[in-house]
Amino acid sequence: MLTQVAQTSLKIYHSVVKPKSEDPQSRKILSIMPSQPNWTNKELAQELQMEASTVAARINRLKKLEEVVECGKRACHVTGLTVKIVRLVPSQPYNYELF
């Protein structure tokens, strides 16, 4: 049985937070990311045939939602420049013992 606070939190999550990462472009980005350990924005843009600025905007939003994280720098396979790379945040099992 959930408390009123828990029910309210779940409603907010499913109505406000979760949909932000469910726009079609974010879903495309998230769906391809597991195929490689890390990505640059340009690599994602090239692979998904999207504008680099669109990918950058979606990656920034996904960082704020803590679905992706910057994990260092390396040479981009598209530009050859050393740039920041991102990866998916590993799934963390929920620890119910904390409550």
PDB file of N, CA and C in Angstrom:
ATOM      1  N   MET A   1       0.839  -1.176   0.000  1.00  0.00           N
ATOM      2  CA  MET A   1       0.000   0.000   0.000  1.00  0.00           C
ATOM      3  C   MET A   1       0.890   1.248   0.000  1.00  0.00           C
ATOM      4  N   LEU A   2       0.628   2.151  -0.909  1.00  0.00           N
ATOM      5  CA  LEU A   2       1.410   3.374  -1.008  1.00  0.00           C
ATOM      6  C   LEU A   2       0.797   4.480  -0.169  1.00  0.00           C
ATOM      7  N   THR A   3       1.651   5.328   0.373  1.00  0.00           N
ATOM      8  CA  THR A   3       1.147   6.497   1.084  1.00  0.00           C
ATOM      9  C   THR A   3       0.695   7.531   0.062  1.00  0.00           C
ATOM     10  N   GLN A   4       0.011   8.532   0.509  1.00  0.00           N
ATOM     11  CA  GLN A   4      -0.448   9.600  -0.392  1.00  0.00           C
ATOM     12  C   GLN A   4       0.738  10.307  -1.038  1.00  0.00           C
ATOM     13  N   VAL A   5       1.821  10.498  -0.267  1.00  0.00           N
ATOM     14  CA  VAL A   5       3.012  11.153  -0.805  1.00  0.00           C
ATOM     15  C   VAL A   5       3.624  10.301  -1.914  1.00  0.00           C
ATOM     16  N   ALA A   6       3.723   8.996  -1.683  1.00  0.00           N
ATOM     17  CA  ALA A   6       4.291   8.104  -2.694  1.00  0.00           C
ATOM     18  C   ALA A   6       3.438   8.106  -3.960  1.00  0.00           C
ATOM     19  N   GLN A   7       2.139   8.081  -3.802  1.00  0.00           N
ATOM     20  CA  GLN A   7       1.246   8.095  -4.961  1.00  0.00           C
ATOM     21  C   GLN A   7       1.407   9.395  -5.749  1.00  0.00           C
ATOM     22  N   THR A   8       1.510  10.503  -5.037  1.00  0.00           N
ATOM     23  CA  THR A   8       1.692  11.797  -5.692  1.00  0.00           C
ATOM     24  C   THR A   8       3.027  11.844  -6.427  1.00  0.00           C
ATOM     25  N   SER A   9       4.073  11.327  -5.797  1.00  0.00           N
ATOM     26  CA  SER A   9       5.387  11.307  -6.434  1.00  0.00           C
ATOM     27  C   SER A   9       5.368  10.473  -7.713  1.00  0.00           C
ATOM     28  N   LEU A  10       4.715   9.335  -7.682  1.00  0.00           N
ATOM     29  CA  LEU A  10       4.613   8.488  -8.869  1.00  0.00           C
ATOM     30  C   LEU A  10       3.829   9.181  -9.979  1.00  0.00           C
ATOM     31  N   LYS A  11       2.755   9.863  -9.626  1.00  0.00           N
ATOM     32  CA  LYS A  11       1.964  10.583 -10.631  1.00  0.00           C
ATOM     33  C   LYS A  11       2.806  11.668 -11.296  1.00  0.00           C
ATOM     34  N   ILE A  12       3.553  12.417 -10.500  1.00  0.00           N
ATOM     35  CA  ILE A  12       4.412  13.476 -11.043  1.00  0.00           C
ATOM     36  C   ILE A  12       5.472  12.874 -11.953  1.00  0.00           C
ATOM     37  N   TYR A  13       6.106  11.794 -11.504  1.00  0.00           N
ATOM     38  CA  TYR A  13       7.139  11.160 -12.313  1.00  0.00           C
ATOM     39  C   TYR A  13       6.586  10.741 -13.669  1.00  0.00           C
ATOM     40  N   HIS A  14       5.454  10.057 -13.680  1.00  0.00           N
ATOM     41  CA  HIS A  14       4.908   9.541 -14.931  1.00  0.00           C
ATOM     42  C   HIS A  14       4.274  10.625 -15.806  1.00  0.00           C
ATOM     43  N   SER A  15       3.907  11.753 -15.218  1.00  0.00           N
ATOM     44  CA  SER A  15       3.283  12.797 -16.028  1.00  0.00           C
ATOM     45  C   SER A  15       4.249  13.910 -16.430  1.00  0.00           C
ATOM     46  N   VAL A  16       5.319  14.107 -15.677  1.00  0.00           N
ATOM     47  CA  VAL A  16       6.227  15.224 -15.957  1.00  0.00           C
ATOM     48  C   VAL A  16       7.627  14.755 -16.320  1.00  0.00           C
ATOM     49  N   VAL A  17       8.257  13.982 -15.471  1.00  0.00           N
ATOM     50  CA  VAL A  17       9.656  13.616 -15.663  1.00  0.00           C
ATOM     51  C   VAL A  17       9.837  12.605 -16.778  1.00  0.00           C
ATOM     52  N   LYS A  18       9.145  11.500 -16.718  1.00  0.00           N
ATOM     53  CA  LYS A  18       9.348  10.431 -17.687  1.00  0.00           C
ATOM     54  C   LYS A  18       9.087  10.868 -19.126  1.00  0.00           C
ATOM     55  N   PRO A  19       8.005  11.605 -19.417  1.00  0.00           N
ATOM     56  CA  PRO A  19       7.781  11.997 -20.812  1.00  0.00           C
ATOM     57  C   PRO A  19       8.895  12.843 -21.428  1.00  0.00           C
ATOM     58  N   LYS A  20       9.661  13.565 -20.621  1.00  0.00           N
ATOM     59  CA  LYS A  20      10.736  14.391 -21.170  1.00  0.00           C
ATOM     60  C   LYS A  20      11.777  13.554 -21.884  1.00  0.00           C
ATOM     61  N   SER A  21      12.002  12.326 -21.421  1.00  0.00           N
ATOM     62  CA  SER A  21      12.994  11.478 -22.072  1.00  0.00           C
ATOM     63  C   SER A  21      12.349  10.570 -23.114  1.00  0.00           C
ATOM     64  N   GLU A  22      11.057  10.730 -23.326  1.00  0.00           N
ATOM     65  CA  GLU A  22      10.366   9.844 -24.249  1.00  0.00           C
ATOM     66  C   GLU A  22      10.006  10.510 -25.577  1.00  0.00           C
ATOM     67  N   ASP A  23      10.567  11.680 -25.864  1.00  0.00           N
ATOM     68  CA  ASP A  23      10.313  12.245 -27.177  1.00  0.00           C
ATOM     69  C   ASP A  23      11.000  11.338 -28.203  1.00  0.00           C
ATOM     70  N   PRO A  24      10.531  11.311 -29.434  1.00  0.00           N
ATOM     71  CA  PRO A  24      11.064  10.366 -30.429  1.00  0.00           C
ATOM     72  C   PRO A  24      12.574  10.457 -30.634  1.00  0.00           C
ATOM     73  N   GLN A  25      13.111  11.655 -30.627  1.00  0.00           N
ATOM     74  CA  GLN A  25      14.552  11.808 -30.847  1.00  0.00           C
ATOM     75  C   GLN A  25      15.363  11.260 -29.675  1.00  0.00           C
ATOM     76  N   SER A  26      14.908  11.508 -28.460  1.00  0.00           N
ATOM     77  CA  SER A  26      15.605  10.958 -27.293  1.00  0.00           C
ATOM     78  C   SER A  26      15.529   9.436 -27.288  1.00  0.00           C
ATOM     79  N   ARG A  27      14.382   8.901 -27.657  1.00  0.00           N
ATOM     80  CA  ARG A  27      14.231   7.441 -27.716  1.00  0.00           C
ATOM     81  C   ARG A  27      15.199   6.836 -28.735  1.00  0.00           C
ATOM     82  N   LYS A  28      15.354   7.505 -29.885  1.00  0.00           N
ATOM     83  CA  LYS A  28      16.303   7.020 -30.895  1.00  0.00           C
ATOM     84  C   LYS A  28      17.721   7.008 -30.338  1.00  0.00           C
ATOM     85  N   ILE A  29      18.085   8.079 -29.656  1.00  0.00           N
ATOM     86  CA  ILE A  29      19.423   8.175 -29.083  1.00  0.00           C
ATOM     87  C   ILE A  29      19.628   7.078 -28.038  1.00  0.00           C
ATOM     88  N   LEU A  30      18.677   6.940 -27.126  1.00  0.00           N
ATOM     89  CA  LEU A  30      18.801   5.946 -26.065  1.00  0.00           C
ATOM     90  C   LEU A  30      18.814   4.522 -26.612  1.00  0.00           C
ATOM     91  N   SER A  31      18.109   4.293 -27.705  1.00  0.00           N
ATOM     92  CA  SER A  31      18.033   2.932 -28.245  1.00  0.00           C
ATOM     93  C   SER A  31      19.343   2.505 -28.908  1.00  0.00           C
ATOM     94  N   ILE A  32      20.086   3.448 -29.455  1.00  0.00           N
ATOM     95  CA  ILE A  32      21.329   3.077 -30.144  1.00  0.00           C
ATOM     96  C   ILE A  32      22.541   3.062 -29.212  1.00  0.00           C
ATOM     97  N   MET A  33      22.470   3.771 -28.105  1.00  0.00           N
ATOM     98  CA  MET A  33      23.642   3.908 -27.235  1.00  0.00           C
ATOM     99  C   MET A  33      24.204   2.580 -26.710  1.00  0.00           C
ATOM    100  N   PRO A  34      23.400   1.556 -26.420  1.00  0.00           N
ATOM    101  CA  PRO A  34      23.988   0.304 -25.920  1.00  0.00           C
ATOM    102  C   PRO A  34      24.884  -0.423 -26.936  1.00  0.00           C
ATOM    103  N   SER A  35      24.799  -0.066 -28.207  1.00  0.00           N
ATOM    104  CA  SER A  35      25.593  -0.767 -29.217  1.00  0.00           C
ATOM    105  C   SER A  35      27.082  -0.406 -29.182  1.00  0.00           C
ATOM    106  N   GLN A  36      27.437   0.593 -28.397  1.00  0.00           N
ATOM    107  CA  GLN A  36      28.822   1.056 -28.307  1.00  0.00           C
ATOM    108  C   GLN A  36      29.036   1.566 -26.883  1.00  0.00           C
ATOM    109  N   PRO A  37      30.229   1.392 -26.298  1.00  0.00           N
ATOM    110  CA  PRO A  37      30.434   1.810 -24.906  1.00  0.00           C
ATOM    111  C   PRO A  37      30.279   3.313 -24.674  1.00  0.00           C
ATOM    112  N   ASN A  38      30.680   4.138 -25.649  1.00  0.00           N
ATOM    113  CA  ASN A  38      30.559   5.591 -25.491  1.00  0.00           C
ATOM    114  C   ASN A  38      30.434   6.237 -26.863  1.00  0.00           C
ATOM    115  N   TRP A  39      29.913   7.450 -26.856  1.00  0.00           N
ATOM    116  CA  TRP A  39      29.619   8.157 -28.105  1.00  0.00           C
ATOM    117  C   TRP A  39      29.985   9.624 -27.991  1.00  0.00           C
ATOM    118  N   THR A  40      30.290  10.242 -29.132  1.00  0.00           N
ATOM    119  CA  THR A  40      30.343  11.704 -29.223  1.00  0.00           C
ATOM    120  C   THR A  40      29.022  12.150 -29.837  1.00  0.00           C
ATOM    121  N   ASN A  41      28.691  13.419 -29.691  1.00  0.00           N
ATOM    122  CA  ASN A  41      27.459  13.938 -30.283  1.00  0.00           C
ATOM    123  C   ASN A  41      27.464  13.781 -31.808  1.00  0.00           C
ATOM    124  N   LYS A  42      28.600  14.048 -32.423  1.00  0.00           N
ATOM    125  CA  LYS A  42      28.698  13.949 -33.892  1.00  0.00           C
ATOM    126  C   LYS A  42      28.521  12.505 -34.360  1.00  0.00           C
ATOM    127  N   GLU A  43      29.067  11.545 -33.605  1.00  0.00           N
ATOM    128  CA  GLU A  43      28.897  10.142 -33.968  1.00  0.00           C
ATOM    129  C   GLU A  43      27.438   9.731 -33.899  1.00  0.00           C
ATOM    130  N   LEU A  44      26.760  10.169 -32.841  1.00  0.00           N
ATOM    131  CA  LEU A  44      25.328   9.884 -32.725  1.00  0.00           C
ATOM    132  C   LEU A  44      24.552  10.531 -33.864  1.00  0.00           C
ATOM    133  N   ALA A  45      24.871  11.790 -34.156  1.00  0.00           N
ATOM    134  CA  ALA A  45      24.183  12.506 -35.229  1.00  0.00           C
ATOM    135  C   ALA A  45      24.365  11.797 -36.568  1.00  0.00           C
ATOM    136  N   GLN A  46      25.582  11.375 -36.854  1.00  0.00           N
ATOM    137  CA  GLN A  46      25.849  10.698 -38.122  1.00  0.00           C
ATOM    138  C   GLN A  46      25.116   9.353 -38.175  1.00  0.00           C
ATOM    139  N   GLU A  47      25.194   8.592 -37.118  1.00  0.00           N
ATOM    140  CA  GLU A  47      24.573   7.267 -37.081  1.00  0.00           C
ATOM    141  C   GLU A  47      23.050   7.347 -37.212  1.00  0.00           C
ATOM    142  N   LEU A  48      22.456   8.361 -36.586  1.00  0.00           N
ATOM    143  CA  LEU A  48      20.997   8.494 -36.565  1.00  0.00           C
ATOM    144  C   LEU A  48      20.461   9.417 -37.662  1.00  0.00           C
ATOM    145  N   GLN A  49      21.369   9.984 -38.451  1.00  0.00           N
ATOM    146  CA  GLN A  49      20.996  10.937 -39.504  1.00  0.00           C
ATOM    147  C   GLN A  49      20.157  12.085 -38.932  1.00  0.00           C
ATOM    148  N   MET A  50      20.702  12.675 -37.875  1.00  0.00           N
ATOM    149  CA  MET A  50      20.075  13.816 -37.214  1.00  0.00           C
ATOM    150  C   MET A  50      21.067  14.976 -37.232  1.00  0.00           C
ATOM    151  N   GLU A  51      20.557  16.170 -37.042  1.00  0.00           N
ATOM    152  CA  GLU A  51      21.428  17.340 -36.925  1.00  0.00           C
ATOM    153  C   GLU A  51      22.215  17.259 -35.612  1.00  0.00           C
ATOM    154  N   ALA A  52      23.473  17.678 -35.651  1.00  0.00           N
ATOM    155  CA  ALA A  52      24.314  17.658 -34.455  1.00  0.00           C
ATOM    156  C   ALA A  52      23.722  18.518 -33.344  1.00  0.00           C
ATOM    157  N   SER A  53      23.117  19.635 -33.695  1.00  0.00           N
ATOM    158  CA  SER A  53      22.526  20.516 -32.679  1.00  0.00           C
ATOM    159  C   SER A  53      21.331  19.849 -31.997  1.00  0.00           C
ATOM    160  N   THR A  54      20.574  19.055 -32.743  1.00  0.00           N
ATOM    161  CA  THR A  54      19.439  18.325 -32.170  1.00  0.00           C
ATOM    162  C   THR A  54      19.946  17.279 -31.189  1.00  0.00           C
ATOM    163  N   VAL A  55      20.985  16.555 -31.589  1.00  0.00           N
ATOM    164  CA  VAL A  55      21.565  15.541 -30.705  1.00  0.00           C
ATOM    165  C   VAL A  55      22.107  16.209 -29.443  1.00  0.00           C
ATOM    166  N   ALA A  56      22.807  17.313 -29.591  1.00  0.00           N
ATOM    167  CA  ALA A  56      23.376  18.011 -28.432  1.00  0.00           C
ATOM    168  C   ALA A  56      22.281  18.437 -27.459  1.00  0.00           C
ATOM    169  N   ALA A  57      21.185  18.955 -27.987  1.00  0.00           N
ATOM    170  CA  ALA A  57      20.076  19.375 -27.122  1.00  0.00           C
ATOM    171  C   ALA A  57      19.479  18.185 -26.376  1.00  0.00           C
ATOM    172  N   ARG A  58      19.285  17.066 -27.079  1.00  0.00           N
ATOM    173  CA  ARG A  58      18.704  15.876 -26.437  1.00  0.00           C
ATOM    174  C   ARG A  58      19.674  15.287 -25.417  1.00  0.00           C
ATOM    175  N   ILE A  59      20.963  15.277 -25.730  1.00  0.00           N
ATOM    176  CA  ILE A  59      21.957  14.758 -24.789  1.00  0.00           C
ATOM    177  C   ILE A  59      21.988  15.625 -23.533  1.00  0.00           C
ATOM    178  N   ASN A  60      21.920  16.939 -23.686  1.00  0.00           N
ATOM    179  CA  ASN A  60      21.897  17.823 -22.514  1.00  0.00           C
ATOM    180  C   ASN A  60      20.690  17.527 -21.636  1.00  0.00           C
ATOM    181  N   ARG A  61      19.539  17.318 -22.244  1.00  0.00           N
ATOM    182  CA  ARG A  61      18.335  16.998 -21.479  1.00  0.00           C
ATOM    183  C   ARG A  61      18.498  15.633 -20.795  1.00  0.00           C
ATOM    184  N   LEU A  62      19.041  14.661 -21.503  1.00  0.00           N
ATOM    185  CA  LEU A  62      19.231  13.326 -20.923  1.00  0.00           C
ATOM    186  C   LEU A  62      20.252  13.342 -19.783  1.00  0.00           C
ATOM    187  N   LYS A  63      21.228  14.263 -19.855  1.00  0.00           N
ATOM    188  CA  LYS A  63      22.167  14.427 -18.740  1.00  0.00           C
ATOM    189  C   LYS A  63      21.433  14.942 -17.512  1.00  0.00           C
ATOM    190  N   LYS A  64      20.570  15.940 -17.712  1.00  0.00           N
ATOM    191  CA  LYS A  64      19.805  16.493 -16.585  1.00  0.00           C
ATOM    192  C   LYS A  64      18.885  15.443 -15.975  1.00  0.00           C
ATOM    193  N   LEU A  65      18.360  14.555 -16.797  1.00  0.00           N
ATOM    194  CA  LEU A  65      17.497  13.472 -16.314  1.00  0.00           C
ATOM    195  C   LEU A  65      18.299  12.291 -15.776  1.00  0.00           C
ATOM    196  N   GLU A  66      19.634  12.424 -15.832  1.00  0.00           N
ATOM    197  CA  GLU A  66      20.565  11.412 -15.340  1.00  0.00           C
ATOM    198  C   GLU A  66      20.395  10.064 -16.046  1.00  0.00           C
ATOM    199  N   GLU A  67      20.121  10.128 -17.348  1.00  0.00           N
ATOM    200  CA  GLU A  67      20.039   8.917 -18.154  1.00  0.00           C
ATOM    201  C   GLU A  67      21.331   8.674 -18.923  1.00  0.00           C
ATOM    202  N   VAL A  68      22.087   9.748 -19.171  1.00  0.00           N
ATOM    203  CA  VAL A  68      23.422   9.633 -19.747  1.00  0.00           C
ATOM    204  C   VAL A  68      24.375  10.481 -18.917  1.00  0.00           C
ATOM    205  N   VAL A  69      25.660  10.160 -19.044  1.00  0.00           N
ATOM    206  CA  VAL A  69      26.666  10.880 -18.267  1.00  0.00           C
ATOM    207  C   VAL A  69      27.914  11.058 -19.127  1.00  0.00           C
ATOM    208  N   GLU A  70      28.602  12.190 -18.949  1.00  0.00           N
ATOM    209  CA  GLU A  70      29.898  12.382 -19.598  1.00  0.00           C
ATOM    210  C   GLU A  70      30.891  11.442 -18.935  1.00  0.00           C
ATOM    211  N   CYS A  71      31.733  10.818 -19.753  1.00  0.00           N
ATOM    212  CA  CYS A  71      32.648   9.823 -19.184  1.00  0.00           C
ATOM    213  C   CYS A  71      34.083   9.991 -19.666  1.00  0.00           C
ATOM    214  N   GLY A  72      34.430  11.182 -20.123  1.00  0.00           N
ATOM    215  CA  GLY A  72      35.802  11.429 -20.533  1.00  0.00           C
ATOM    216  C   GLY A  72      35.890  12.133 -21.871  1.00  0.00           C
ATOM    217  N   LYS A  73      37.055  12.015 -22.502  1.00  0.00           N
ATOM    218  CA  LYS A  73      37.297  12.611 -23.813  1.00  0.00           C
ATOM    219  C   LYS A  73      38.056  11.615 -24.668  1.00  0.00           C
ATOM    220  N   ARG A  74      37.847  11.718 -25.969  1.00  0.00           N
ATOM    221  CA  ARG A  74      38.609  10.926 -26.934  1.00  0.00           C
ATOM    222  C   ARG A  74      38.428  11.555 -28.307  1.00  0.00           C
ATOM    223  N   ALA A  75      39.188  11.045 -29.276  1.00  0.00           N
ATOM    224  CA  ALA A  75      39.070  11.548 -30.641  1.00  0.00           C
ATOM    225  C   ALA A  75      37.744  11.072 -31.234  1.00  0.00           C
ATOM    226  N   CYS A  76      37.010  11.997 -31.824  1.00  0.00           N
ATOM    227  CA  CYS A  76      35.749  11.683 -32.489  1.00  0.00           C
ATOM    228  C   CYS A  76      36.056  10.968 -33.802  1.00  0.00           C
ATOM    229  N   HIS A  77      35.308   9.900 -34.096  1.00  0.00           N
ATOM    230  CA  HIS A  77      35.514   9.157 -35.334  1.00  0.00           C
ATOM    231  C   HIS A  77      35.026   9.931 -36.564  1.00  0.00           C
ATOM    232  N   VAL A  78      34.212  10.960 -36.346  1.00  0.00           N
ATOM    233  CA  VAL A  78      33.688  11.768 -37.457  1.00  0.00           C
ATOM    234  C   VAL A  78      34.603  12.946 -37.754  1.00  0.00           C
ATOM    235  N   THR A  79      34.972  13.701 -36.712  1.00  0.00           N
ATOM    236  CA  THR A  79      35.745  14.933 -36.917  1.00  0.00           C
ATOM    237  C   THR A  79      37.239  14.768 -36.679  1.00  0.00           C
ATOM    238  N   GLY A  80      37.615  13.770 -35.902  1.00  0.00           N
ATOM    239  CA  GLY A  80      39.020  13.602 -35.548  1.00  0.00           C
ATOM    240  C   GLY A  80      39.461  14.467 -34.384  1.00  0.00           C
ATOM    241  N   LEU A  81      38.589  15.347 -33.904  1.00  0.00           N
ATOM    242  CA  LEU A  81      38.906  16.230 -32.788  1.00  0.00           C
ATOM    243  C   LEU A  81      38.699  15.500 -31.466  1.00  0.00           C
ATOM    244  N   THR A  82      39.437  15.919 -30.443  1.00  0.00           N
ATOM    245  CA  THR A  82      39.239  15.371 -29.103  1.00  0.00           C
ATOM    246  C   THR A  82      38.054  16.092 -28.472  1.00  0.00           C
ATOM    247  N   VAL A  83      37.028  15.321 -28.133  1.00  0.00           N
ATOM    248  CA  VAL A  83      35.782  15.892 -27.602  1.00  0.00           C
ATOM    249  C   VAL A  83      35.278  15.036 -26.441  1.00  0.00           C
ATOM    250  N   LYS A  84      34.298  15.581 -25.719  1.00  0.00           N
ATOM    251  CA  LYS A  84      33.678  14.848 -24.613  1.00  0.00           C
ATOM    252  C   LYS A  84      32.858  13.688 -25.158  1.00  0.00           C
ATOM    253  N   ILE A  85      32.830  12.608 -24.383  1.00  0.00           N
ATOM    254  CA  ILE A  85      32.034  11.452 -24.760  1.00  0.00           C
ATOM    255  C   ILE A  85      30.985  11.183 -23.681  1.00  0.00           C
ATOM    256  N   VAL A  86      29.907  10.538 -24.085  1.00  0.00           N
ATOM    257  CA  VAL A  86      28.827  10.211 -23.156  1.00  0.00           C
ATOM    258  C   VAL A  86      28.529   8.718 -23.240  1.00  0.00           C
ATOM    259  N   ARG A  87      27.929   8.227 -22.178  1.00  0.00           N
ATOM    260  CA  ARG A  87      27.478   6.838 -22.129  1.00  0.00           C
ATOM    261  C   ARG A  87      26.188   6.785 -21.321  1.00  0.00           C
ATOM    262  N   LEU A  88      25.501   5.668 -21.445  1.00  0.00           N
ATOM    263  CA  LEU A  88      24.313   5.464 -20.637  1.00  0.00           C
ATOM    264  C   LEU A  88      24.702   5.311 -19.178  1.00  0.00           C
ATOM    265  N   VAL A  89      23.849   5.791 -18.289  1.00  0.00           N
ATOM    266  CA  VAL A  89      24.054   5.564 -16.866  1.00  0.00           C
ATOM    267  C   VAL A  89      23.646   4.121 -16.594  1.00  0.00           C
ATOM    268  N   PRO A  90      24.515   3.345 -15.954  1.00  0.00           N
ATOM    269  CA  PRO A  90      24.150   1.955 -15.676  1.00  0.00           C
ATOM    270  C   PRO A  90      22.913   1.894 -14.787  1.00  0.00           C
ATOM    271  N   SER A  91      22.063   0.923 -15.024  1.00  0.00           N
ATOM    272  CA  SER A  91      20.873   0.741 -14.191  1.00  0.00           C
ATOM    273  C   SER A  91      21.305   0.374 -12.786  1.00  0.00           C
ATOM    274  N   GLN A  92      20.722   1.055 -11.826  1.00  0.00           N
ATOM    275  CA  GLN A  92      21.011   0.768 -10.426  1.00  0.00           C
ATOM    276  C   GLN A  92      19.805   0.072  -9.802  1.00  0.00           C
ATOM    277  N   PRO A  93      20.017  -1.090  -9.184  1.00  0.00           N
ATOM    278  CA  PRO A  93      18.886  -1.733  -8.521  1.00  0.00           C
ATOM    279  C   PRO A  93      18.416  -0.874  -7.356  1.00  0.00           C
ATOM    280  N   TYR A  94      17.134  -0.817  -7.178  1.00  0.00           N
ATOM    281  CA  TYR A  94      16.552  -0.011  -6.111  1.00  0.00           C
ATOM    282  C   TYR A  94      16.732  -0.734  -4.792  1.00  0.00           C
ATOM    283  N   ASN A  95      17.255  -0.063  -3.795  1.00  0.00           N
ATOM    284  CA  ASN A  95      17.494  -0.664  -2.485  1.00  0.00           C
ATOM    285  C   ASN A  95      16.352  -0.313  -1.547  1.00  0.00           C
ATOM    286  N   TYR A  96      15.420  -1.236  -1.369  1.00  0.00           N
ATOM    287  CA  TYR A  96      14.264  -0.997  -0.516  1.00  0.00           C
ATOM    288  C   TYR A  96      14.624  -0.996   0.953  1.00  0.00           C
ATOM    289  N   GLU A  97      15.794  -1.529   1.308  1.00  0.00           N
ATOM    290  CA  GLU A  97      16.201  -1.615   2.714  1.00  0.00           C
ATOM    291  C   GLU A  97      16.512  -0.245   3.305  1.00  0.00           C
ATOM    292  N   LEU A  98      16.678   0.773   2.470  1.00  0.00           N
ATOM    293  CA  LEU A  98      16.969   2.112   2.973  1.00  0.00           C
ATOM    294  C   LEU A  98      15.776   2.744   3.673  1.00  0.00           C
ATOM    295  N   PHE A  99      14.596   2.251   3.391  1.00  0.00           N
ATOM    296  CA  PHE A  99      13.389   2.878   3.936  1.00  0.00           C
ATOM    297  C   PHE A  99      12.802   2.095   5.058  1.00  0.00           C
TER     298      PHE A  99
END
